[in-house]
Protein backbone atom coordinates (compact mmCIF):
# COMPACT_ATOMS: atom_id res chain seq x y z
CA MET A 1 0.32 0.30 0.22
CA THR A 2 0.98 3.50 -0.85
CA ALA A 3 1.64 5.71 2.15
CA ALA A 4 -0.20 9.15 1.98
CA LEU A 5 2.86 10.47 3.68
CA ASP A 6 6.65 9.43 3.76
CA LEU A 7 8.76 12.32 5.10
CA THR A 8 12.25 11.79 5.87
CA PHE A 9 14.22 14.59 8.23
CA ALA A 10 18.01 14.84 8.73
CA GLY A 11 20.53 17.07 10.04
CA VAL A 12 22.28 18.87 7.42
CA GLY A 13 24.61 21.90 8.02
CA GLY A 14 22.97 22.75 11.20
CA ARG A 15 19.78 22.49 10.17
CA THR A 16 17.19 19.91 9.41
CA VAL A 17 15.92 19.45 5.79
CA LEU A 18 13.61 17.23 4.34
CA THR A 19 15.71 14.24 2.68
CA ARG A 20 12.48 12.78 1.09
CA ARG A 21 9.21 14.14 0.61
CA ARG A 22 6.18 12.08 -1.13
CA TYR A 23 2.68 12.59 -0.56
CA ARG A 24 -0.75 12.55 -1.56
CA TRP A 25 -4.32 12.80 -1.51
CA PRO A 26 -5.86 13.54 0.63
CA LEU A 27 -2.44 15.27 2.50
CA LEU A 28 -0.49 18.24 1.75
CA ILE A 29 2.46 19.44 3.14
CA GLY A 30 4.08 22.80 2.76
CA ARG A 31 8.28 23.96 3.07
CA VAL A 32 9.94 23.37 5.90
CA PHE A 33 10.63 26.26 8.35
CA PRO A 34 13.27 26.58 11.00
CA ASP A 35 11.73 27.17 14.49
CA SER A 36 11.69 30.14 15.93
CA VAL A 37 13.39 29.22 19.31
CA HIS A 38 15.96 26.09 17.98
CA PRO A 39 16.75 27.19 14.89
CA ALA A 40 18.58 23.62 13.88
CA THR A 41 15.00 22.35 14.21
CA GLY A 42 12.67 21.90 11.33
CA SER A 43 9.33 22.53 11.45
CA VAL A 44 6.46 21.73 9.23
CA THR A 45 2.55 21.52 8.97
CA VAL A 46 0.27 18.51 7.15
CA GLN A 47 -2.95 19.57 5.44
CA ASN A 48 -5.77 17.19 5.37
CA SER A 49 -7.15 19.02 1.78
CA ALA A 50 -10.29 17.11 2.37
CA GLY A 51 -11.12 17.92 6.21
CA THR A 52 -12.07 14.99 6.76
CA VAL A 53 -11.47 11.20 7.26
CA ILE A 54 -14.72 9.29 5.78
CA PRO A 55 -15.86 5.62 6.14
CA GLY A 56 -13.39 3.11 4.85
CA ASP A 57 -10.41 5.36 4.52
CA ILE A 58 -7.21 3.63 5.26
CA VAL A 59 -4.44 6.54 5.75
CA THR A 60 -0.69 5.63 6.13
CA GLN A 61 2.00 7.41 6.81
CA ARG A 62 5.87 7.10 7.64
CA ILE A 63 7.95 9.51 9.15
CA ALA A 64 11.46 9.39 10.10
CA VAL A 65 14.37 11.49 11.79
CA ILE A 66 17.70 10.63 11.09
CA ASP A 67 21.51 11.88 10.98
CA GLY A 68 21.18 14.62 14.18
CA GLY A 69 17.87 15.82 12.27
CA SER A 70 14.94 17.54 14.96
CA ALA A 71 11.73 18.17 13.62
CA ILE A 72 8.11 18.99 14.23
CA VAL A 73 5.53 17.56 12.41
CA ARG A 74 1.95 19.25 13.15
CA GLY A 75 -1.70 18.69 11.82
CA GLN A 76 -3.46 21.88 10.83
CA GLY A 77 -6.55 22.33 12.83
CA ALA A 78 -9.12 19.91 13.78
CA THR A 79 -9.61 16.83 11.24
CA THR A 80 -13.70 15.65 11.18
CA VAL A 81 -14.44 11.61 11.15
CA ALA A 82 -17.54 11.17 9.67
CA GLY A 83 -19.68 8.49 9.95
CA ILE A 84 -23.13 7.14 8.44
CA PRO A 85 -25.45 4.26 9.88
CA GLY A 86 -23.66 0.96 9.50
CA GLY A 87 -20.27 2.73 7.96
CA ALA A 88 -17.26 0.85 7.55
CA GLU A 89 -14.25 1.75 10.29
CA ALA A 90 -11.92 4.40 9.22
CA LEU A 91 -8.39 3.37 9.93
CA GLU A 92 -5.17 5.93 9.68
CA GLN A 93 -1.80 4.35 10.71
CA THR A 94 1.36 5.94 11.12
CA VAL A 95 5.18 4.78 11.31
CA LEU A 96 7.40 6.64 13.37
CA ARG A 97 11.49 6.13 13.29
CA VAL A 98 13.77 8.29 15.25
CA ASP A 99 17.75 7.15 15.46
CA ALA A 100 20.13 7.56 18.24
CA THR A 101 21.24 11.17 16.99
CA SER A 102 17.69 12.28 16.41
CA ARG A 103 14.62 14.21 18.03
CA LEU A 104 10.82 14.63 16.74
CA LEU A 105 7.70 16.18 18.31
CA LEU A 106 4.64 14.68 16.18
CA ASP A 107 1.40 16.94 17.44
CA ALA A 108 -0.97 15.85 14.92
CA ALA A 109 -4.71 17.29 14.77
CA PRO A 110 -6.87 16.14 17.17
CA ARG A 111 -9.72 13.43 15.38
CA ILE A 112 -13.66 14.95 15.83
CA LEU A 113 -15.53 12.18 16.13
CA THR A 114 -19.13 12.94 14.64
CA PRO A 115 -22.21 10.59 14.78
CA HIS A 116 -22.13 7.14 13.59
CA ALA A 117 -18.14 7.84 13.05
CA ARG A 118 -16.42 4.22 13.39
CA TYR A 119 -12.09 5.10 13.76
CA ARG A 120 -9.17 3.85 14.56
CA GLN A 121 -5.40 4.67 14.69
CA ARG A 122 -2.33 2.92 14.91
CA THR A 123 0.67 4.60 15.98
CA GLU A 124 4.24 2.49 15.26
CA VAL A 125 7.43 4.09 17.05
CA CYS A 126 10.74 2.74 17.04
CA VAL A 127 13.16 5.91 18.54
CA ALA A 128 16.77 4.72 19.33
CA PRO A 129 18.12 4.78 22.47
CA GLY A 130 19.88 8.38 22.66
CA GLY A 131 16.92 9.58 20.51
CA ARG A 132 13.73 11.64 21.29
CA ALA A 133 10.06 11.57 20.32
CA VAL A 134 6.69 13.41 21.47
CA LEU A 135 3.53 12.57 19.73
CA VAL A 136 0.13 13.64 20.49
CA ASP A 137 -2.74 11.25 20.48
CA ALA A 138 -5.84 13.12 20.36
CA VAL A 139 -9.60 12.99 20.01
CA VAL A 140 -12.52 15.13 20.70
CA LEU A 141 -16.49 14.04 20.72
CA HIS A 142 -18.64 15.84 18.86
CA PRO A 143 -21.53 18.19 20.58
CA ASP A 144 -23.87 16.30 18.46
CA LEU A 145 -23.12 12.66 19.11
CA THR A 146 -25.12 10.44 21.78
CA ASP A 147 -25.15 7.53 22.81
CA PRO A 148 -27.47 6.10 20.80
CA LEU A 149 -25.30 7.45 18.09
CA PHE A 150 -21.78 6.44 18.88
CA GLY A 151 -19.70 4.50 16.29
CA GLY A 152 -16.68 3.48 18.11
CA TYR A 153 -12.59 4.60 18.85
CA ARG A 154 -9.62 2.67 19.26
CA SER A 155 -6.36 4.04 19.46
CA ASP A 156 -2.98 1.67 19.63
CA VAL A 157 0.13 3.13 20.10
CA VAL A 158 3.48 0.40 19.87
CA ILE A 159 7.03 0.92 20.87
CA THR A 160 9.52 -1.10 20.06
CA ALA A 161 13.31 -1.38 20.08
CA PRO A 162 15.53 -0.98 17.21
CA ASP A 163 16.02 -5.37 16.77
CA GLY A 164 11.95 -5.07 17.03
CA THR A 165 11.23 -6.10 20.80
CA LEU A 166 8.14 -4.89 21.88
CA LEU A 167 8.58 -2.78 24.72
CA ALA A 168 4.88 -1.33 25.29
CA LEU A 169 1.80 -1.16 23.79
CA ASP A 170 -0.98 1.24 24.83
CA ALA A 171 -4.22 0.82 23.61
CA GLN A 172 -7.95 3.10 24.19
CA HIS A 173 -10.94 2.04 23.63
CA LEU A 174 -13.95 4.26 23.79
CA ASP A 175 -17.38 2.49 22.49
CA ALA A 176 -20.42 4.66 24.16
CA THR A 177 -20.48 8.44 25.12
CA PRO A 178 -19.28 8.97 29.45
CA ARG A 179 -22.34 8.69 31.17
CA VAL A 180 -20.84 10.93 33.82
CA ARG A 181 -22.89 14.56 34.70
CA ARG A 182 -20.36 16.94 32.93
CA ALA A 183 -18.18 14.15 32.10
CA PRO A 184 -15.03 15.35 29.61
CA THR A 185 -15.31 15.01 26.26
CA ALA A 186 -12.03 15.51 24.99
CA PHE A 187 -8.74 13.27 25.68
CA ALA A 188 -5.54 13.08 24.60
CA THR A 189 -2.03 11.16 25.91
CA VAL A 190 1.18 13.14 25.03
CA TYR A 191 3.90 10.37 24.96
CA VAL A 192 7.57 10.82 25.56
CA VAL A 193 9.86 8.09 23.98
CA GLY A 194 12.86 7.32 24.84
CA THR A 195 15.15 5.53 27.05
CA GLY A 196 16.60 6.87 30.58
CA LEU A 197 13.96 9.52 31.17
CA ASP A 198 13.14 8.33 34.69
CA THR A 199 14.56 11.33 36.63
CA VAL A 200 13.65 14.26 34.01
CA LEU A 201 10.26 13.33 34.28
CA THR A 202 9.62 12.14 37.94
CA SER A 203 10.92 15.63 38.38
CA ARG A 204 8.34 17.04 36.26
CA THR A 205 5.77 15.31 37.19
CA PRO A 206 4.33 17.51 39.85
CA GLU A 207 4.14 20.53 37.44
CA LEU A 208 2.67 18.48 34.61
CA GLU A 209 -0.22 17.67 36.71
CA ALA A 210 -0.45 21.11 38.28
CA LEU A 211 -1.90 21.98 35.03
CA SER A 212 -5.35 20.31 35.66
CA VAL A 213 -7.73 22.97 36.46
CA LEU A 214 -11.51 22.63 37.74
CA THR A 215 -13.43 26.17 36.73
CA GLY A 216 -16.74 25.83 36.15
CA ASP A 217 -17.27 24.26 32.77
CA ARG A 218 -13.71 24.67 31.66
CA ARG A 219 -12.20 21.61 33.19
CA THR A 220 -9.11 19.69 32.69
CA TYR A 221 -7.53 16.57 34.18
CA VAL A 222 -3.87 15.60 34.14
CA GLY A 223 -2.44 12.15 35.19
CA VAL A 224 1.31 10.91 34.19
CA SER A 225 2.77 7.76 34.30
CA ASP A 226 5.58 5.60 32.81
CA LEU A 227 5.64 3.28 30.30
CA PRO A 228 7.48 -0.19 30.75
CA ASN A 229 10.50 -1.29 30.07
CA ASP A 230 11.98 2.01 30.22
CA ALA A 231 10.07 2.78 26.85
CA GLY A 232 8.77 6.09 27.89
CA TRP A 233 6.12 8.36 29.98
CA ALA A 234 2.78 9.24 28.99
CA VAL A 235 0.61 12.09 29.91
CA ARG A 236 -3.17 11.95 30.28
CA ILE A 237 -4.94 14.37 29.71
CA ALA A 238 -9.06 14.84 30.07
CA ALA A 239 -10.92 17.85 29.06
CA SER A 240 -14.20 19.54 29.23
CA ASP A 241 -14.01 20.10 25.00
CA GLY A 242 -11.77 20.82 22.25
CA GLY A 243 -10.70 24.21 22.77
CA VAL A 244 -9.54 23.03 26.48
CA LEU A 245 -7.50 20.05 25.47
CA ARG A 246 -5.72 22.05 22.77
CA THR A 247 -4.77 24.93 25.73
CA ALA A 248 -3.79 21.61 27.85
CA VAL A 249 -1.96 20.18 24.78
CA ALA A 250 -0.42 22.85 24.17
CA ALA A 251 1.27 23.44 27.66
CA VAL A 252 2.41 19.76 28.12
CA THR A 253 4.35 19.80 24.96
CA ALA A 254 5.67 22.79 25.96
CA GLN A 255 7.61 20.96 28.93
CA VAL A 256 8.30 17.74 27.74
CA GLY A 257 8.90 18.38 23.87
CA PRO A 258 11.96 16.39 22.84
CA GLU A 259 14.68 19.55 23.12
CA ARG A 260 13.67 20.25 26.49
CA VAL A 261 13.62 17.17 28.06
CA VAL A 262 17.63 16.84 26.41
CA ALA A 263 18.54 20.12 27.87
CA HIS A 264 16.94 19.12 31.47
CA ALA A 265 18.77 15.59 31.09
CA HIS A 266 21.59 16.71 30.24
CA ALA A 267 21.62 19.38 33.56
CA GLU A 268 20.86 16.41 35.76
CA PRO A 269 24.23 16.42 38.03
CA ARG A 270 25.84 13.06 37.73
CA ALA A 271 26.32 10.32 40.56
């Protein structure tokens, strides 16, 4: 199957460039811009020209960062997942590879589930020891989505070692709307993948969990947990709506982005 997106970033002459750039409908990408804070980091935006994922869609993406590259890949706005009664499941599958010298932040746009939408995503991540990847997995329930109209949602994040050994499998499944009064309707997990992060993330956990806010209808819940086999960490976020979720995700990625984590790790005193 031909990938809708196939990108390879690499460090060249002190900046990050695309050495492989292939895409097809419905995905589009623009040029690589240097990051305003870290000029050696290249930033690119992925657009969905259709603005939606429809029943039966299979969208495959591959992103690699090598040779000292540092890349930020963001989605443009939120993407709607359309549904029809009895419609087929839509699938998005992404393969991420980061070598020992490189960094990646993948901040995909939230997927908005509409009535009858059936959606599944699978992300495979391999980060060599020394490399870092941060990826955002976010979903929002549309206000018109009620329990009788709910289709289904599943997300699998598979983290492997370079030799193919399974390090962690994080699976989330939703087949009904939350029934608790004033329950959150927007959810995200920010994964920080890489070895040797225990000290860094443990020290930052209180600050991250302090992002939880309960103010009227603007509610955010944040929890932090480590992944097995020293694969990395997961920051869980539940929010009252998509706007609040995006604000919380931005605050979290500002704290755990690859460059911030690496700089903090290098500053840790050695025993």
